[in-house]
Protein backbone atom coordinates (compact mmCIF):
# COMPACT_ATOMS: atom_id res chain seq x y z
CA UNK A 1 67.39 -22.77 44.99
CA UNK A 2 64.10 -21.58 46.45
CA UNK A 3 61.61 -24.21 47.65
CA UNK A 4 58.53 -24.64 45.50
CA UNK A 5 55.29 -22.97 46.56
CA UNK A 6 53.84 -25.30 49.13
CA UNK A 7 54.41 -29.00 49.69
CA UNK A 8 50.81 -30.07 49.17
CA UNK A 9 49.88 -28.62 45.81
CA UNK A 10 46.46 -28.23 44.19
CA UNK A 11 45.15 -30.53 41.45
CA UNK A 12 42.35 -30.76 38.92
CA UNK A 13 40.16 -27.90 37.69
CA UNK A 14 39.63 -24.66 39.59
CA UNK A 15 37.53 -21.51 39.53
CA UNK A 16 38.37 -17.94 40.44
CA UNK A 17 36.41 -16.75 43.48
CA UNK A 18 34.96 -13.31 42.77
CA UNK A 19 32.68 -11.45 45.15
CA UNK A 20 30.04 -11.24 42.45
CA UNK A 21 29.99 -15.04 42.33
CA UNK A 22 29.65 -15.64 46.05
CA UNK A 23 25.83 -15.79 46.07
CA UNK A 24 25.94 -18.55 43.42
CA UNK A 25 28.84 -20.40 45.04
CA UNK A 26 27.61 -20.24 48.63
CA UNK A 27 26.12 -23.74 48.58
CA UNK A 28 28.47 -25.19 45.98
CA UNK A 29 29.18 -28.88 46.41
CA UNK A 30 32.78 -29.35 47.51
CA UNK A 31 33.35 -31.76 44.61
CA UNK A 32 32.14 -29.33 41.95
CA UNK A 33 35.54 -27.63 41.70
CA UNK A 34 38.93 -28.87 42.87
CA UNK A 35 40.41 -25.55 43.98
CA UNK A 36 39.78 -21.79 43.94
CA UNK A 37 41.87 -18.67 43.46
CA UNK A 38 41.53 -15.16 44.86
CA UNK A 39 43.22 -11.79 44.50
CA UNK A 40 44.73 -11.27 47.98
CA UNK A 41 44.57 -7.46 47.74
CA UNK A 42 40.77 -7.70 47.63
CA UNK A 43 40.65 -9.57 50.95
CA UNK A 44 43.68 -8.70 53.09
CA UNK A 45 42.00 -5.85 54.95
CA UNK A 46 38.49 -7.28 54.96
CA UNK A 47 36.87 -8.20 58.23
CA UNK A 48 33.52 -9.11 59.67
CA UNK A 49 31.06 -10.65 57.24
CA UNK A 50 33.47 -10.69 54.27
CA UNK A 51 36.19 -12.42 56.24
CA UNK A 52 33.70 -15.00 57.49
CA UNK A 53 32.54 -15.58 53.92
CA UNK A 54 36.10 -16.18 52.78
CA UNK A 55 36.82 -18.48 55.71
CA UNK A 56 33.78 -20.57 54.78
CA UNK A 57 35.36 -21.18 51.37
CA UNK A 58 38.98 -21.66 52.47
CA UNK A 59 37.86 -24.30 54.96
CA UNK A 60 36.16 -26.30 52.19
CA UNK A 61 38.42 -25.81 49.15
CA UNK A 62 42.11 -25.65 48.33
CA UNK A 63 43.13 -22.09 47.43
CA UNK A 64 45.76 -20.19 45.48
CA UNK A 65 46.35 -16.43 45.51
CA UNK A 66 46.79 -14.42 42.31
CA UNK A 67 48.05 -10.90 42.95
CA UNK A 68 47.06 -7.69 41.18
CA UNK A 69 49.29 -4.90 42.42
CA UNK A 70 52.85 -6.10 43.09
CA UNK A 71 54.07 -4.28 39.95
CA UNK A 72 57.06 -6.55 39.68
CA UNK A 73 58.42 -4.78 36.59
CA UNK A 74 57.61 -1.22 37.63
CA UNK A 75 59.98 1.68 38.38
CA UNK A 76 58.68 2.32 41.91
CA UNK A 77 60.40 0.67 44.89
CA UNK A 78 59.08 -2.79 45.61
CA UNK A 79 56.21 -2.71 48.13
CA UNK A 80 57.77 -5.00 50.72
CA UNK A 81 55.00 -4.34 53.23
CA UNK A 82 52.45 -5.61 50.71
CA UNK A 83 54.47 -8.80 50.27
CA UNK A 84 54.64 -9.27 54.04
CA UNK A 85 50.87 -8.76 54.30
CA UNK A 86 50.30 -11.30 51.54
CA UNK A 87 52.55 -13.82 53.26
CA UNK A 88 50.55 -13.45 56.48
CA UNK A 89 47.30 -13.76 54.52
CA UNK A 90 48.47 -16.98 52.85
CA UNK A 91 49.38 -18.43 56.21
CA UNK A 92 46.14 -17.31 57.86
CA UNK A 93 43.98 -19.07 55.28
CA UNK A 94 46.20 -22.01 54.41
CA UNK A 95 46.60 -20.80 50.81
CA UNK A 96 49.00 -23.02 48.88
CA UNK A 97 50.77 -20.58 46.56
CA UNK A 98 51.06 -17.00 45.32
CA UNK A 99 51.30 -15.84 41.70
CA UNK A 100 51.68 -12.43 40.10
CA UNK A 101 51.76 -10.89 36.63
CA UNK A 102 54.96 -10.39 34.65
CA UNK A 103 54.08 -6.74 34.13
CA UNK A 104 53.80 -3.50 36.09
CA UNK A 105 50.87 -1.43 37.28
CA UNK A 106 52.39 1.57 39.04
CA UNK A 107 54.78 4.41 38.24
CA UNK A 108 54.52 7.24 40.73
CA UNK A 109 51.01 5.96 41.47
CA UNK A 110 48.70 3.16 40.42
CA UNK A 111 47.98 2.92 36.68
CA UNK A 112 44.94 0.62 37.07
CA UNK A 113 46.11 -1.61 34.25
CA UNK A 114 48.77 -4.24 33.60
CA UNK A 115 51.47 -2.57 31.51
CA UNK A 116 53.97 -4.46 29.32
CA UNK A 117 57.56 -4.67 30.48
CA UNK A 118 60.11 -3.86 27.75
CA UNK A 119 61.52 -7.23 26.75
CA UNK A 120 65.25 -6.58 27.12
CA UNK A 121 68.21 -8.18 28.89
CA UNK A 122 68.31 -5.21 31.26
CA UNK A 123 64.66 -5.80 32.16
CA UNK A 124 65.38 -9.48 32.78
CA UNK A 125 68.00 -8.57 35.35
CA UNK A 126 65.81 -5.88 36.94
CA UNK A 127 62.72 -8.07 37.24
CA UNK A 128 64.69 -11.10 38.43
CA UNK A 129 66.26 -9.07 41.23
CA UNK A 130 62.83 -7.86 42.38
CA UNK A 131 61.38 -11.37 42.21
CA UNK A 132 64.29 -12.46 44.36
CA UNK A 133 63.33 -9.88 46.99
CA UNK A 134 59.75 -11.19 46.99
CA UNK A 135 60.91 -14.78 47.31
CA UNK A 136 63.20 -13.91 50.20
CA UNK A 137 60.20 -12.54 52.08
CA UNK A 138 57.85 -15.36 51.14
CA UNK A 139 60.37 -18.13 51.74
CA UNK A 140 59.19 -19.87 48.57
CA UNK A 141 59.12 -19.36 44.83
CA UNK A 142 56.92 -16.68 43.34
CA UNK A 143 54.82 -17.90 40.43
CA UNK A 144 54.84 -15.43 37.53
CA UNK A 145 52.20 -15.27 34.82
CA UNK A 146 52.70 -14.42 31.16
CA UNK A 147 50.40 -11.50 30.39
CA UNK A 148 48.31 -10.34 27.44
CA UNK A 149 49.59 -7.19 25.71
CA UNK A 150 48.48 -4.76 23.02
CA UNK A 151 51.86 -3.14 22.41
CA UNK A 152 55.47 -4.27 22.82
CA UNK A 153 57.50 -1.14 23.66
CA UNK A 154 61.28 -1.45 23.59
CA UNK A 155 61.14 -5.06 22.49
CA UNK A 156 64.56 -6.64 21.92
CA UNK A 157 63.67 -10.29 22.66
CA UNK A 158 60.86 -12.65 21.72
CA UNK A 159 58.27 -12.93 24.48
CA UNK A 160 58.98 -16.63 25.03
CA UNK A 161 62.71 -15.91 25.38
CA UNK A 162 61.98 -13.08 27.82
CA UNK A 163 59.71 -15.20 30.02
CA UNK A 164 62.19 -18.07 30.10
CA UNK A 165 65.09 -15.73 30.87
CA UNK A 166 63.22 -14.21 33.83
CA UNK A 167 62.33 -17.67 35.18
CA UNK A 168 65.94 -18.83 34.88
CA UNK A 169 67.48 -15.69 36.37
CA UNK A 170 65.00 -15.44 39.25
CA UNK A 171 64.65 -19.15 40.00
CA UNK A 172 60.87 -18.70 40.08
CA UNK A 173 57.91 -20.68 38.74
CA UNK A 174 55.41 -20.10 35.93
CA UNK A 175 51.65 -19.69 35.77
CA UNK A 176 51.02 -20.40 32.10
CA UNK A 177 47.98 -18.42 30.95
CA UNK A 178 46.80 -20.16 27.79
CA UNK A 179 44.34 -17.45 26.81
CA UNK A 180 47.06 -14.79 27.09
CA UNK A 181 49.29 -16.85 24.81
CA UNK A 182 46.52 -17.01 22.22
CA UNK A 183 45.63 -13.31 22.53
CA UNK A 184 49.26 -12.24 22.05
CA UNK A 185 49.71 -14.59 19.09
CA UNK A 186 46.87 -12.86 17.26
CA UNK A 187 47.76 -9.34 18.41
CA UNK A 188 51.47 -9.57 17.54
CA UNK A 189 51.57 -12.18 14.77
CA UNK A 190 53.37 -14.79 16.87
CA UNK A 191 52.93 -18.56 17.00
CA UNK A 192 50.98 -19.73 20.04
CA UNK A 193 52.13 -23.33 19.85
CA UNK A 194 55.77 -22.32 19.57
CA UNK A 195 55.35 -20.24 22.73
CA UNK A 196 53.79 -23.17 24.59
CA UNK A 197 56.60 -25.49 23.48
CA UNK A 198 59.27 -23.00 24.61
CA UNK A 199 58.05 -22.89 28.21
CA UNK A 200 60.02 -24.95 30.77
CA UNK A 201 57.84 -27.89 31.82
CA UNK A 202 59.57 -28.25 35.16
CA UNK A 203 58.57 -24.71 36.19
CA UNK A 204 54.88 -24.74 35.15
CA UNK A 205 52.91 -24.84 38.40
CA UNK A 206 49.42 -24.37 36.95
CA UNK A 207 47.46 -22.93 34.03
CA UNK A 208 44.83 -20.25 33.47
CA UNK A 209 42.13 -20.33 30.84
CA UNK A 210 39.58 -17.59 30.13
CA UNK A 211 37.42 -15.88 27.55
CA UNK A 212 38.36 -12.89 25.42
CA UNK A 213 36.71 -10.37 23.08
CA UNK A 214 37.39 -10.20 19.33
CA UNK A 215 37.78 -6.49 18.65
CA UNK A 216 38.85 -7.35 15.08
CA UNK A 217 40.63 -10.10 13.14
CA UNK A 218 43.97 -8.72 14.34
CA UNK A 219 43.06 -7.46 17.83
CA UNK A 220 41.81 -9.54 20.76
CA UNK A 221 41.05 -8.10 24.19
CA UNK A 222 41.66 -10.24 27.26
CA UNK A 223 38.42 -9.59 29.15
CA UNK A 224 37.71 -12.63 31.35
CA UNK A 225 34.09 -11.74 30.64
CA UNK A 226 32.97 -14.45 28.23
CA UNK A 227 33.03 -18.18 27.67
CA UNK A 228 36.29 -19.82 26.60
CA UNK A 229 36.53 -20.01 22.81
CA UNK A 230 37.26 -23.13 20.80
CA UNK A 231 40.72 -21.97 19.70
CA UNK A 232 41.75 -21.50 23.31
CA UNK A 233 40.39 -24.92 24.30
CA UNK A 234 42.51 -26.37 21.50
CA UNK A 235 45.58 -24.58 22.80
CA UNK A 236 44.91 -25.90 26.31
CA UNK A 237 44.86 -29.43 24.92
CA UNK A 238 48.12 -28.71 23.11
CA UNK A 239 49.66 -27.48 26.39
CA UNK A 240 48.68 -30.75 28.06
CA UNK A 241 50.25 -32.62 25.16
CA UNK A 242 53.53 -30.78 25.49
CA UNK A 243 53.88 -30.48 29.25
CA UNK A 244 51.51 -33.00 30.76
CA UNK A 245 48.31 -32.33 32.67
CA UNK A 246 48.58 -29.47 35.17
CA UNK A 247 46.06 -27.88 37.54
CA UNK A 248 43.99 -25.48 35.44
CA UNK A 249 41.85 -22.57 36.62
CA UNK A 250 38.92 -20.93 34.83
CA UNK A 251 38.90 -17.14 35.19
CA UNK A 252 35.64 -15.20 34.96
CA UNK A 253 35.64 -11.63 36.28
CA UNK A 254 32.27 -10.21 35.16
CA UNK A 255 29.21 -10.97 33.00
CA UNK A 256 28.69 -13.95 35.26
CA UNK A 257 26.52 -16.61 33.62
CA UNK A 258 24.33 -19.08 35.53
CA UNK A 259 26.48 -21.33 37.66
CA UNK A 260 25.75 -24.41 35.56
CA UNK A 261 27.49 -22.76 32.59
CA UNK A 262 30.67 -22.15 34.59
CA UNK A 263 30.58 -25.69 35.93
CA UNK A 264 30.20 -26.99 32.37
CA UNK A 265 33.50 -25.26 31.51
CA UNK A 266 35.08 -26.77 34.62
CA UNK A 267 33.85 -30.17 33.42
CA UNK A 268 35.43 -29.51 30.01
CA UNK A 269 38.78 -28.90 31.71
CA UNK A 270 38.39 -32.14 33.61
CA UNK A 271 37.55 -34.10 30.46
CA UNK A 272 40.67 -32.85 28.72
CA UNK A 273 42.75 -33.58 31.81
CA UNK A 274 41.40 -37.13 31.98
CA UNK A 275 42.00 -37.63 28.25
CA UNK A 276 45.62 -36.49 28.32
CA UNK A 277 46.43 -38.06 31.66
CA UNK A 278 45.37 -41.33 30.02
CA UNK A 279 47.42 -40.64 26.89
CA UNK A 280 44.46 -39.87 24.66
CA UNK A 281 44.64 -38.75 21.03
CA UNK A 282 45.03 -35.11 20.04
CA UNK A 283 41.42 -34.10 19.58
CA UNK A 284 42.34 -30.51 18.82
CA UNK A 285 44.56 -31.35 15.85
CA UNK A 286 42.13 -33.84 14.39
CA UNK A 287 38.89 -31.93 14.77
CA UNK A 288 39.31 -28.28 15.65
CA UNK A 289 42.16 -26.67 13.71
CA UNK A 290 41.82 -22.91 14.18
CA UNK A 291 41.05 -20.55 11.33
CA UNK A 292 44.13 -18.70 12.58
CA UNK A 293 46.08 -22.00 12.66
CA UNK A 294 47.01 -20.96 16.23
CA UNK A 295 49.39 -18.56 14.49
């Protein structure tokens, strides 16, 4: 069995560090957020001023890395040199763990999007073997994230069954993205709460939460460019109910609001964490049942 990612894990409520946010976050109080997350590919080869900027944050905050280009389910050979570079980057900055998307983003070249893996037994074996290669290089478990999708090509298994099968076969951990669960439930007519319940508690390392765009009643787009919606807050509370309170990170990639608005969402995460850590009542079920009934 692979060791878990890091011995001293993050806690509380975190925020994704984006370059567009750096001017607002430069003088951020170290107690305003509990940890941060970065895409390592955006920083590995940076030097000079950018590297100094990053060091100023990694010396003040706990950090996780969330990859963009590993293409764990893709047909191209695994980029082992990228994994080695990421391992060195994690060590250089004292970053506590590395996650990636359960998807692929290259096939004879970069596709510049996260593509859905066909949910089949063959794909489980293929992806698990590649995750194993990554973990052998890292010396710790990779953390995989459930992704939002707009099509399900070659689907032979339910998404929850596919995610669990990959985790079991690869002996890896899970980054549970609550917004992606909600987006897929609407887009594919699934049940978001059933998905949450099906995830293995013992493998959930942390959670993501983010905003999305309502293209229509039946199509949501995972944008990370808006405030978190009430239905997704409710699903986060439900996740805490089912699996206990876990570190939770707010993602915001563009359309950055004033910093106080982001910190208000961080405070909302903390309130829900405090409520469920103390065994509070299920606010979401009593007061905010979704018009979609969290399908």
